[in-house]
Amino acid sequence: MSEHHDHTVSSPEITFGHPPAESTKRIWVVLGILSIITVIELILGLGIARHWYPNDTWVLFVKGTVCILSLAKAYYIVSEFMHLGSEIRNFIMTIVVPLLLFVWFIAAFLWDGNSWKNLRNKYGGEPAKQEQAAPAHQKGAKD
């Protein structure tokens, strides 16, 4: 009786989609892509720290680029490691739309907090004092 060892079947109920060699290759590809994006982000960030860019517009552009690269990395990680990339579109939208709303909430709270901080700095922590003009009939009475 000869034994047949198939690496993709561990029991009749459990099967694996990829042979081990293919899975290992896929992990190395993902590691390579994420490493390249990370190195690019680090070089751009080092440029900001070392003042390589000529003006604030370039710094703002580089910060935006780093944010976009970080979002691309996050998408790739979720797509590969959480297997969201192979799901149906409706399920993906069920996860992505609330996430976008959460990001919007954070931006709105930061904007509101900054506005509150600016108002406190402008008025020294006290409410604005408004001078009220005297009604016209009282002005004539004082003359």
Protein backbone atom coordinates (compact mmCIF):
# COMPACT_ATOMS: atom_id res chain seq x y z
CA MET A 1 0.00 0.00 0.00
CA SER A 2 1.56 3.26 -1.08
CA GLU A 3 0.93 6.47 0.73
CA HIS A 4 0.11 9.56 -1.28
CA HIS A 5 1.06 12.87 0.37
CA ASP A 6 -0.78 15.81 -1.12
CA HIS A 7 0.21 19.12 0.45
CA THR A 8 -3.04 20.85 -0.42
CA VAL A 9 -5.35 18.43 1.38
CA SER A 10 -4.98 17.77 5.09
CA SER A 11 -8.25 15.91 5.48
CA PRO A 12 -11.33 15.37 3.32
CA GLU A 13 -13.03 18.34 5.01
CA ILE A 14 -10.14 20.83 5.00
CA THR A 15 -8.38 21.97 1.87
CA PHE A 16 -5.95 24.80 1.26
CA GLY A 17 -6.20 27.01 -1.80
CA HIS A 18 -2.50 27.51 -2.46
CA PRO A 19 0.41 25.11 -2.30
CA PRO A 20 3.01 26.18 0.29
CA ALA A 21 5.55 27.33 -2.30
CA GLU A 22 3.02 29.66 -3.93
CA SER A 23 1.98 31.10 -0.56
CA THR A 24 5.58 31.76 0.40
CA LYS A 25 6.25 33.53 -2.89
CA ARG A 26 3.15 35.68 -2.41
CA ILE A 27 4.30 36.68 1.10
CA TRP A 28 7.70 37.75 -0.24
CA VAL A 29 6.05 39.82 -2.99
CA VAL A 30 3.83 41.57 -0.42
CA LEU A 31 6.85 42.17 1.84
CA GLY A 32 8.79 43.64 -1.10
CA ILE A 33 6.01 46.01 -2.13
CA LEU A 34 5.38 47.22 1.42
CA SER A 35 9.13 47.66 2.00
CA ILE A 36 9.56 49.76 -1.14
CA ILE A 37 6.66 52.04 -0.21
CA THR A 38 8.03 52.39 3.35
CA VAL A 39 11.52 53.31 2.12
CA ILE A 40 10.03 55.98 -0.18
CA GLU A 41 8.04 57.39 2.74
CA LEU A 42 11.13 57.47 4.94
CA ILE A 43 13.22 59.25 2.29
CA LEU A 44 10.49 61.87 1.76
CA GLY A 45 10.19 62.35 5.54
CA LEU A 46 13.96 62.68 5.90
CA GLY A 47 13.82 65.39 3.26
CA ILE A 48 11.36 67.33 5.39
CA ALA A 49 13.50 66.89 8.51
CA ARG A 50 16.68 67.98 6.67
CA HIS A 51 15.01 70.92 4.90
CA TRP A 52 15.73 69.65 1.38
CA TYR A 53 12.68 71.33 -0.11
CA PRO A 54 12.83 74.96 -1.28
CA ASN A 55 9.54 76.27 0.18
CA ASP A 56 6.45 75.40 2.19
CA THR A 57 4.48 74.44 -0.93
CA TRP A 58 6.91 71.60 -1.61
CA VAL A 59 6.75 70.47 2.02
CA LEU A 60 2.93 70.43 1.84
CA PHE A 61 3.10 68.43 -1.42
CA VAL A 62 5.50 65.90 0.13
CA LYS A 63 3.29 65.51 3.23
CA GLY A 64 0.30 64.87 0.96
CA THR A 65 2.32 62.30 -1.00
CA VAL A 66 3.30 60.52 2.22
CA CYS A 67 -0.36 60.45 3.31
CA ILE A 68 -1.39 58.94 -0.04
CA LEU A 69 1.39 56.33 0.16
CA SER A 70 0.32 55.45 3.72
CA LEU A 71 -3.28 54.99 2.58
CA ALA A 72 -2.09 52.82 -0.31
CA LYS A 73 -0.12 50.68 2.14
CA ALA A 74 -3.11 50.37 4.43
CA TYR A 75 -5.33 49.35 1.52
CA TYR A 76 -2.79 46.77 0.35
CA ILE A 77 -2.40 45.31 3.85
CA VAL A 78 -6.16 45.01 4.30
CA SER A 79 -6.55 43.59 0.79
CA GLU A 80 -3.86 40.94 1.21
CA PHE A 81 -3.76 39.98 4.87
CA MET A 82 -7.43 40.43 5.70
CA HIS A 83 -8.44 38.98 2.31
CA LEU A 84 -10.79 41.89 1.64
CA GLY A 85 -9.59 42.21 -1.96
CA SER A 86 -11.22 38.91 -2.92
CA GLU A 87 -14.63 39.77 -1.41
CA ILE A 88 -17.69 40.99 -3.26
CA ARG A 89 -18.11 44.73 -3.82
CA ASN A 90 -21.08 45.18 -1.44
CA PHE A 91 -19.15 43.65 1.46
CA ILE A 92 -16.14 45.87 0.73
CA MET A 93 -18.39 48.96 0.70
CA THR A 94 -19.94 47.85 4.00
CA ILE A 95 -16.49 48.18 5.57
CA VAL A 96 -15.05 51.11 3.61
CA VAL A 97 -17.95 53.60 3.85
CA PRO A 98 -18.11 53.62 7.69
CA LEU A 99 -14.33 53.92 7.73
CA LEU A 100 -14.50 57.00 5.49
CA LEU A 101 -17.18 58.49 7.74
CA PHE A 102 -14.90 57.88 10.73
CA VAL A 103 -12.05 59.71 8.98
CA TRP A 104 -14.45 62.57 8.19
CA PHE A 105 -15.48 62.75 11.88
CA ILE A 106 -11.84 63.03 12.94
CA ALA A 107 -11.22 65.84 10.41
CA ALA A 108 -14.36 67.69 11.53
CA PHE A 109 -13.43 67.44 15.22
CA LEU A 110 -9.89 68.67 14.50
CA TRP A 111 -11.25 71.62 12.53
CA ASP A 112 -13.73 72.50 15.26
CA GLY A 113 -11.08 72.16 17.95
CA ASN A 114 -8.71 74.42 16.03
CA SER A 115 -11.48 77.02 15.67
CA TRP A 116 -12.17 76.85 19.41
CA LYS A 117 -8.46 77.24 20.17
CA ASN A 118 -8.19 80.28 17.90
CA LEU A 119 -11.22 81.92 19.53
CA ARG A 120 -9.80 81.33 23.01
CA ASN A 121 -6.45 82.82 21.96
CA LYS A 122 -8.15 85.84 20.36
CA TYR A 123 -10.25 86.75 23.38
CA GLY A 124 -7.89 85.59 26.12
CA GLY A 125 -10.16 82.82 27.32
CA GLU A 126 -13.09 85.16 27.95
CA PRO A 127 -16.20 85.58 25.83
CA ALA A 128 -16.14 88.44 23.34
CA LYS A 129 -17.30 91.75 24.79
CA GLN A 130 -19.51 93.64 22.41
CA GLU A 131 -20.23 97.28 22.87
CA GLN A 132 -23.89 97.96 22.56
CA ALA A 133 -24.90 101.14 20.86
CA ALA A 134 -27.37 103.26 22.76
CA PRO A 135 -30.77 103.57 21.10
CA ALA A 136 -31.29 106.75 19.06
CA HIS A 137 -33.94 108.23 21.41
CA GLN A 138 -31.52 108.08 24.36
CA LYS A 139 -28.76 109.87 22.45
CA GLY A 140 -30.98 112.89 21.93
CA ALA A 141 -32.01 113.00 25.58
CA LYS A 142 -28.38 113.25 26.77
CA ASP A 143 -27.67 116.27 24.55
